[in-house]
Amino acid sequence: MVFSKEQIYNSVWKEPYFGDYNIVMSHIRNIREKIEDNPSKPIYIQTVWGVGYRFNPQMVQKD
């Protein structure tokens, strides 16, 4: 499932945002720096250009 920047913002901050979504991109970058071996080539959180972000489906455990 792909989440748009707007969906992420609304879920995290619990309010609509009518402006620049750079804050979401900044937080995604910070998370990648903490969890990725190489943040410039992310494995866990992938960017779907023009749509948003998703977790790598191959890295998600299915019970």
Protein backbone atom coordinates (compact mmCIF):
# COMPACT_ATOMS: atom_id res chain seq x y z
CA MET A 1 0.00 0.00 0.00
CA VAL A 2 1.30 3.45 -0.92
CA PHE A 3 0.67 6.40 1.41
CA SER A 4 0.63 9.94 0.06
CA LYS A 5 2.40 12.76 1.89
CA GLU A 6 -1.02 14.17 2.71
CA GLN A 7 -2.20 10.88 4.23
CA ILE A 8 0.95 10.62 6.32
CA TYR A 9 0.66 14.22 7.53
CA ASN A 10 -3.01 13.87 8.43
CA SER A 11 -2.40 10.59 10.31
CA VAL A 12 0.61 11.81 12.27
CA TRP A 13 -0.46 15.36 13.13
CA LYS A 14 -4.24 14.67 13.21
CA GLU A 15 -5.06 17.82 11.27
CA PRO A 16 -5.39 18.79 7.63
CA TYR A 17 -2.41 20.55 6.14
CA PHE A 18 -2.71 23.04 3.31
CA GLY A 19 0.82 23.80 2.35
CA ASP A 20 4.20 22.33 1.68
CA TYR A 21 4.75 18.68 2.60
CA ASN A 22 8.51 19.07 3.04
CA ILE A 23 8.04 18.31 6.73
CA VAL A 24 6.91 14.78 5.82
CA MET A 25 9.86 14.31 3.47
CA SER A 26 12.21 15.57 6.18
CA HIS A 27 10.89 13.09 8.73
CA ILE A 28 11.06 10.22 6.24
CA ARG A 29 14.70 11.15 5.59
CA ASN A 30 15.41 11.17 9.35
CA ILE A 31 13.78 7.76 9.79
CA ARG A 32 15.78 6.36 6.87
CA GLU A 33 19.00 7.63 8.44
CA LYS A 34 18.18 5.62 11.55
CA ILE A 35 17.00 2.35 10.00
CA GLU A 36 18.70 2.03 6.63
CA ASP A 37 22.26 0.81 6.03
CA ASN A 38 22.49 3.27 3.13
CA PRO A 39 19.80 5.99 3.42
CA SER A 40 20.47 7.22 -0.12
CA LYS A 41 19.47 3.76 -1.41
CA PRO A 42 16.60 2.85 0.91
CA ILE A 43 15.40 -0.72 1.28
CA TYR A 44 12.69 -0.50 3.95
CA ILE A 45 10.83 2.72 3.10
CA GLN A 46 10.50 3.17 -0.64
CA THR A 47 9.50 6.27 -2.56
CA VAL A 48 6.84 5.79 -5.21
CA TRP A 49 7.51 8.82 -7.38
CA GLY A 50 4.51 11.08 -7.83
CA VAL A 51 2.44 9.05 -5.35
CA GLY A 52 4.07 8.77 -1.92
CA TYR A 53 5.82 6.21 0.24
CA ARG A 54 5.44 2.53 1.00
CA PHE A 55 7.13 -0.17 3.02
CA ASN A 56 9.03 -2.62 0.87
CA PRO A 57 6.55 -5.50 0.39
CA GLN A 58 9.41 -8.03 0.40
CA MET A 59 10.48 -6.82 3.87
CA VAL A 60 7.00 -7.03 5.46
CA GLN A 61 6.36 -10.22 7.38
CA LYS A 62 3.10 -11.97 6.67
CA ASP A 63 1.69 -14.20 9.39
